């Protein structure tokens, strides 16, 4: 449970951007598969961004806690997809 909360702490700065992208994708294409592919692309981009900038020091913190970057970003993707599916389900009900 502590690892999951640590991963959520890593996800916290990305929540606002993820929600904004959910809204945009919901308006333009509310189908599930293109949204999942877009979120996968954005997760890979976030990994690249963190890995190539000064934010790489954050990855060292998570490695010291026993969380590999692959585990961190795959968990980030799963949490994001779960929130996205919930958002799109509610969004489809009101459109």
N, C-alpha and C. Protein backbone atom coordinates (compact mmCIF):
# COMPACT_ATOMS: atom_id res chain seq x y z
N UNK A 1 0.83 -1.19 0.00
CA UNK A 1 0.00 0.00 0.00
C UNK A 1 0.87 1.25 0.00
N UNK A 2 1.99 1.19 0.72
CA UNK A 2 2.88 2.34 0.77
C UNK A 2 3.48 2.65 -0.60
N UNK A 3 3.81 1.60 -1.37
CA UNK A 3 4.33 1.82 -2.72
C UNK A 3 3.29 2.49 -3.60
N UNK A 4 2.05 2.04 -3.47
CA UNK A 4 0.98 2.62 -4.28
C UNK A 4 0.80 4.10 -3.95
N UNK A 5 0.84 4.44 -2.68
CA UNK A 5 0.73 5.86 -2.29
C UNK A 5 1.93 6.67 -2.79
N UNK A 6 3.09 6.04 -2.83
CA UNK A 6 4.28 6.71 -3.36
C UNK A 6 4.13 6.96 -4.85
N UNK A 7 3.58 5.98 -5.56
CA UNK A 7 3.35 6.15 -7.00
C UNK A 7 2.31 7.25 -7.24
N UNK A 8 1.28 7.30 -6.40
CA UNK A 8 0.29 8.38 -6.53
C UNK A 8 0.91 9.74 -6.25
N UNK A 9 1.87 9.80 -5.35
CA UNK A 9 2.57 11.07 -5.10
C UNK A 9 3.36 11.49 -6.33
N UNK A 10 3.91 10.52 -7.06
CA UNK A 10 4.61 10.84 -8.30
C UNK A 10 3.63 11.31 -9.37
N UNK A 11 2.43 10.74 -9.37
CA UNK A 11 1.40 11.06 -10.37
C UNK A 11 0.76 12.42 -10.13
N UNK A 12 0.84 12.92 -8.92
CA UNK A 12 0.15 14.15 -8.52
C UNK A 12 0.40 15.34 -9.45
N UNK A 13 1.64 15.64 -9.88
CA UNK A 13 1.83 16.79 -10.79
C UNK A 13 1.23 16.57 -12.18
N UNK A 14 1.01 15.32 -12.55
CA UNK A 14 0.49 15.02 -13.89
C UNK A 14 -1.03 15.00 -13.95
N UNK A 15 -1.71 15.06 -12.82
CA UNK A 15 -3.17 14.92 -12.78
C UNK A 15 -3.87 16.04 -13.55
N UNK A 16 -3.44 17.26 -13.38
CA UNK A 16 -4.10 18.38 -14.05
C UNK A 16 -3.96 18.24 -15.57
N UNK A 17 -2.77 17.90 -16.02
CA UNK A 17 -2.56 17.72 -17.46
C UNK A 17 -3.37 16.55 -17.99
N UNK A 18 -3.43 15.49 -17.23
CA UNK A 18 -4.20 14.33 -17.64
C UNK A 18 -5.69 14.66 -17.76
N UNK A 19 -6.21 15.41 -16.79
CA UNK A 19 -7.61 15.79 -16.83
C UNK A 19 -7.90 16.70 -18.03
N UNK A 20 -6.99 17.63 -18.32
CA UNK A 20 -7.17 18.52 -19.47
C UNK A 20 -7.18 17.71 -20.77
N UNK A 21 -6.31 16.74 -20.86
CA UNK A 21 -6.28 15.89 -22.06
C UNK A 21 -7.53 15.03 -22.13
N UNK A 22 -8.03 14.56 -20.99
CA UNK A 22 -9.28 13.80 -20.98
C UNK A 22 -10.44 14.63 -21.53
N UNK A 23 -10.51 15.88 -21.13
CA UNK A 23 -11.57 16.76 -21.61
C UNK A 23 -11.46 16.96 -23.12
N UNK A 24 -10.25 17.25 -23.60
CA UNK A 24 -10.06 17.44 -25.03
C UNK A 24 -10.40 16.19 -25.83
N UNK A 25 -9.91 15.06 -25.37
CA UNK A 25 -10.20 13.81 -26.08
C UNK A 25 -11.67 13.45 -25.99
N UNK A 26 -12.31 13.77 -24.89
CA UNK A 26 -13.74 13.50 -24.75
C UNK A 26 -14.57 14.31 -25.73
N UNK A 27 -14.18 15.54 -25.98
CA UNK A 27 -14.91 16.37 -26.93
C UNK A 27 -14.67 15.93 -28.37
N UNK A 28 -13.43 15.59 -28.70
CA UNK A 28 -13.10 15.30 -30.10
C UNK A 28 -13.32 13.84 -30.48
N UNK A 29 -12.98 12.91 -29.59
CA UNK A 29 -13.12 11.50 -29.92
C UNK A 29 -13.33 10.71 -28.63
N UNK A 30 -14.59 10.52 -28.22
CA UNK A 30 -14.84 9.86 -26.93
C UNK A 30 -14.72 8.33 -26.98
N UNK A 31 -14.19 7.77 -28.07
CA UNK A 31 -14.03 6.32 -28.15
C UNK A 31 -12.83 5.89 -27.31
N UNK A 32 -12.91 4.71 -26.77
CA UNK A 32 -11.94 4.27 -25.76
C UNK A 32 -10.56 3.94 -26.34
N UNK A 33 -10.48 3.25 -27.46
CA UNK A 33 -9.18 2.79 -27.97
C UNK A 33 -8.26 3.95 -28.36
N UNK A 34 -8.71 4.96 -29.10
CA UNK A 34 -7.79 6.07 -29.40
C UNK A 34 -7.33 6.81 -28.15
N UNK A 35 -8.17 6.87 -27.16
CA UNK A 35 -7.80 7.54 -25.91
C UNK A 35 -6.72 6.74 -25.19
N UNK A 36 -6.84 5.43 -25.16
CA UNK A 36 -5.83 4.59 -24.51
C UNK A 36 -4.49 4.70 -25.24
N UNK A 37 -4.52 4.70 -26.56
CA UNK A 37 -3.28 4.84 -27.33
C UNK A 37 -2.65 6.21 -27.07
N UNK A 38 -3.46 7.25 -27.02
CA UNK A 38 -2.95 8.59 -26.73
C UNK A 38 -2.33 8.65 -25.35
N UNK A 39 -2.99 8.05 -24.37
CA UNK A 39 -2.46 8.04 -23.00
C UNK A 39 -1.16 7.24 -22.92
N UNK A 40 -1.06 6.15 -23.68
CA UNK A 40 0.18 5.39 -23.72
C UNK A 40 1.31 6.23 -24.30
N UNK A 41 1.02 6.94 -25.39
CA UNK A 41 2.01 7.82 -25.98
C UNK A 41 2.44 8.90 -24.99
N UNK A 42 1.51 9.48 -24.27
CA UNK A 42 1.83 10.52 -23.31
C UNK A 42 2.60 9.98 -22.11
N UNK A 43 2.35 8.75 -21.72
CA UNK A 43 3.12 8.14 -20.64
C UNK A 43 4.56 7.91 -21.08
N UNK A 44 4.76 7.46 -22.30
CA UNK A 44 6.12 7.30 -22.84
C UNK A 44 6.80 8.66 -22.93
N UNK A 45 6.07 9.67 -23.34
CA UNK A 45 6.63 11.02 -23.39
C UNK A 45 7.02 11.52 -22.00
N UNK A 46 6.18 11.25 -21.01
CA UNK A 46 6.49 11.66 -19.63
C UNK A 46 7.75 10.95 -19.14
N UNK A 47 7.89 9.65 -19.48
CA UNK A 47 9.11 8.93 -19.11
C UNK A 47 10.33 9.57 -19.76
N UNK A 48 10.21 9.88 -21.03
CA UNK A 48 11.33 10.51 -21.75
C UNK A 48 11.66 11.87 -21.13
N UNK A 49 10.65 12.65 -20.83
CA UNK A 49 10.85 13.97 -20.24
C UNK A 49 11.55 13.87 -18.89
N UNK A 50 11.07 12.98 -18.05
CA UNK A 50 11.66 12.82 -16.72
C UNK A 50 13.08 12.26 -16.83
N UNK A 51 13.28 11.36 -17.76
CA UNK A 51 14.59 10.72 -17.91
C UNK A 51 15.64 11.67 -18.49
N UNK A 52 15.24 12.65 -19.27
CA UNK A 52 16.20 13.51 -19.96
C UNK A 52 16.36 14.89 -19.33
N UNK A 53 15.66 15.20 -18.27
CA UNK A 53 15.77 16.51 -17.64
C UNK A 53 16.29 16.36 -16.22
N UNK A 54 16.30 17.46 -15.50
CA UNK A 54 16.75 17.43 -14.12
C UNK A 54 15.80 16.65 -13.21
N UNK A 55 14.63 16.33 -13.70
CA UNK A 55 13.67 15.55 -12.91
C UNK A 55 14.14 14.10 -12.76
N UNK A 56 15.23 13.75 -13.42
CA UNK A 56 15.78 12.40 -13.32
C UNK A 56 16.16 12.07 -11.88
N UNK A 57 16.47 13.09 -11.11
CA UNK A 57 16.81 12.87 -9.70
C UNK A 57 15.64 12.27 -8.93
N UNK A 58 14.42 12.57 -9.37
CA UNK A 58 13.25 11.97 -8.73
C UNK A 58 13.24 10.46 -8.92
N UNK A 59 13.71 10.00 -10.08
CA UNK A 59 13.74 8.57 -10.33
C UNK A 59 14.69 7.87 -9.37
N UNK A 60 15.77 8.54 -8.99
CA UNK A 60 16.70 7.96 -8.02
C UNK A 60 16.00 7.75 -6.69
N UNK A 61 15.18 8.70 -6.29
CA UNK A 61 14.41 8.57 -5.05
C UNK A 61 13.53 7.32 -5.08
N UNK A 62 12.83 7.10 -6.20
CA UNK A 62 11.94 5.96 -6.30
C UNK A 62 12.73 4.65 -6.41
N UNK A 63 13.89 4.69 -7.07
CA UNK A 63 14.74 3.50 -7.11
C UNK A 63 15.21 3.12 -5.71
N UNK A 64 15.53 4.11 -4.88
CA UNK A 64 15.94 3.83 -3.50
C UNK A 64 14.81 3.23 -2.68
N UNK A 65 13.58 3.52 -3.06
CA UNK A 65 12.42 2.92 -2.38
C UNK A 65 12.08 1.54 -2.93
N UNK A 66 12.82 1.10 -3.96
CA UNK A 66 12.58 -0.22 -4.54
C UNK A 66 11.59 -0.23 -5.67
N UNK A 67 11.32 0.93 -6.25
CA UNK A 67 10.37 1.03 -7.36
C UNK A 67 11.17 1.36 -8.62
N UNK A 68 11.19 0.44 -9.56
CA UNK A 68 11.93 0.67 -10.81
C UNK A 68 11.17 1.67 -11.68
N UNK A 69 11.88 2.33 -12.60
CA UNK A 69 11.17 3.26 -13.50
C UNK A 69 10.09 2.58 -14.34
N UNK A 70 10.33 1.34 -14.74
CA UNK A 70 9.31 0.61 -15.51
C UNK A 70 8.06 0.39 -14.67
N UNK A 71 8.24 -0.02 -13.43
CA UNK A 71 7.10 -0.21 -12.53
C UNK A 71 6.39 1.11 -12.26
N UNK A 72 7.17 2.16 -12.07
CA UNK A 72 6.61 3.48 -11.78
C UNK A 72 5.74 3.97 -12.92
N UNK A 73 6.26 3.93 -14.14
CA UNK A 73 5.50 4.47 -15.26
C UNK A 73 4.39 3.54 -15.73
N UNK A 74 4.56 2.22 -15.57
CA UNK A 74 3.45 1.33 -15.93
C UNK A 74 2.31 1.48 -14.92
N UNK A 75 2.64 1.67 -13.66
CA UNK A 75 1.60 1.93 -12.65
C UNK A 75 0.94 3.28 -12.91
N UNK A 76 1.72 4.25 -13.29
CA UNK A 76 1.20 5.57 -13.65
C UNK A 76 0.21 5.45 -14.80
N UNK A 77 0.55 4.64 -15.79
CA UNK A 77 -0.33 4.42 -16.94
C UNK A 77 -1.63 3.73 -16.50
N UNK A 78 -1.53 2.73 -15.66
CA UNK A 78 -2.73 2.01 -15.22
C UNK A 78 -3.66 2.90 -14.39
N UNK A 79 -3.09 3.71 -13.52
CA UNK A 79 -3.91 4.64 -12.73
C UNK A 79 -4.56 5.66 -13.65
N UNK A 80 -3.80 6.17 -14.61
CA UNK A 80 -4.32 7.16 -15.54
C UNK A 80 -5.43 6.58 -16.41
N UNK A 81 -5.25 5.37 -16.89
CA UNK A 81 -6.28 4.73 -17.72
C UNK A 81 -7.54 4.46 -16.90
N UNK A 82 -7.38 4.07 -15.65
CA UNK A 82 -8.55 3.85 -14.79
C UNK A 82 -9.35 5.13 -14.62
N UNK A 83 -8.66 6.22 -14.34
CA UNK A 83 -9.34 7.51 -14.21
C UNK A 83 -9.96 7.97 -15.53
N UNK A 84 -9.26 7.72 -16.63
CA UNK A 84 -9.75 8.12 -17.94
C UNK A 84 -11.01 7.34 -18.32
N UNK A 85 -11.01 6.05 -18.08
CA UNK A 85 -12.19 5.24 -18.41
C UNK A 85 -13.39 5.71 -17.58
N UNK A 86 -13.18 5.98 -16.32
CA UNK A 86 -14.26 6.51 -15.49
C UNK A 86 -14.76 7.85 -15.99
N UNK A 87 -13.84 8.73 -16.36
CA UNK A 87 -14.22 10.04 -16.87
C UNK A 87 -15.00 9.91 -18.18
N UNK A 88 -14.51 9.08 -19.10
CA UNK A 88 -15.19 8.94 -20.39
C UNK A 88 -16.56 8.28 -20.24
N UNK A 89 -16.69 7.38 -19.30
CA UNK A 89 -18.00 6.76 -19.05
C UNK A 89 -19.00 7.81 -18.59
N UNK A 90 -18.60 8.64 -17.66
CA UNK A 90 -19.48 9.71 -17.20
C UNK A 90 -19.72 10.73 -18.30
N UNK A 91 -18.69 11.05 -19.06
CA UNK A 91 -18.79 12.02 -20.14
C UNK A 91 -19.77 11.56 -21.23
N UNK A 92 -19.72 10.26 -21.56
CA UNK A 92 -20.63 9.72 -22.58
C UNK A 92 -22.09 9.74 -22.11
N UNK A 93 -22.30 9.61 -20.83
CA UNK A 93 -23.67 9.62 -20.29
C UNK A 93 -24.31 11.01 -20.44
N UNK A 94 -23.52 12.06 -20.40
CA UNK A 94 -24.06 13.40 -20.47
C UNK A 94 -24.01 14.02 -21.86
N UNK A 95 -23.45 13.32 -22.83
CA UNK A 95 -23.42 13.87 -24.20
C UNK A 95 -24.34 13.11 -25.09
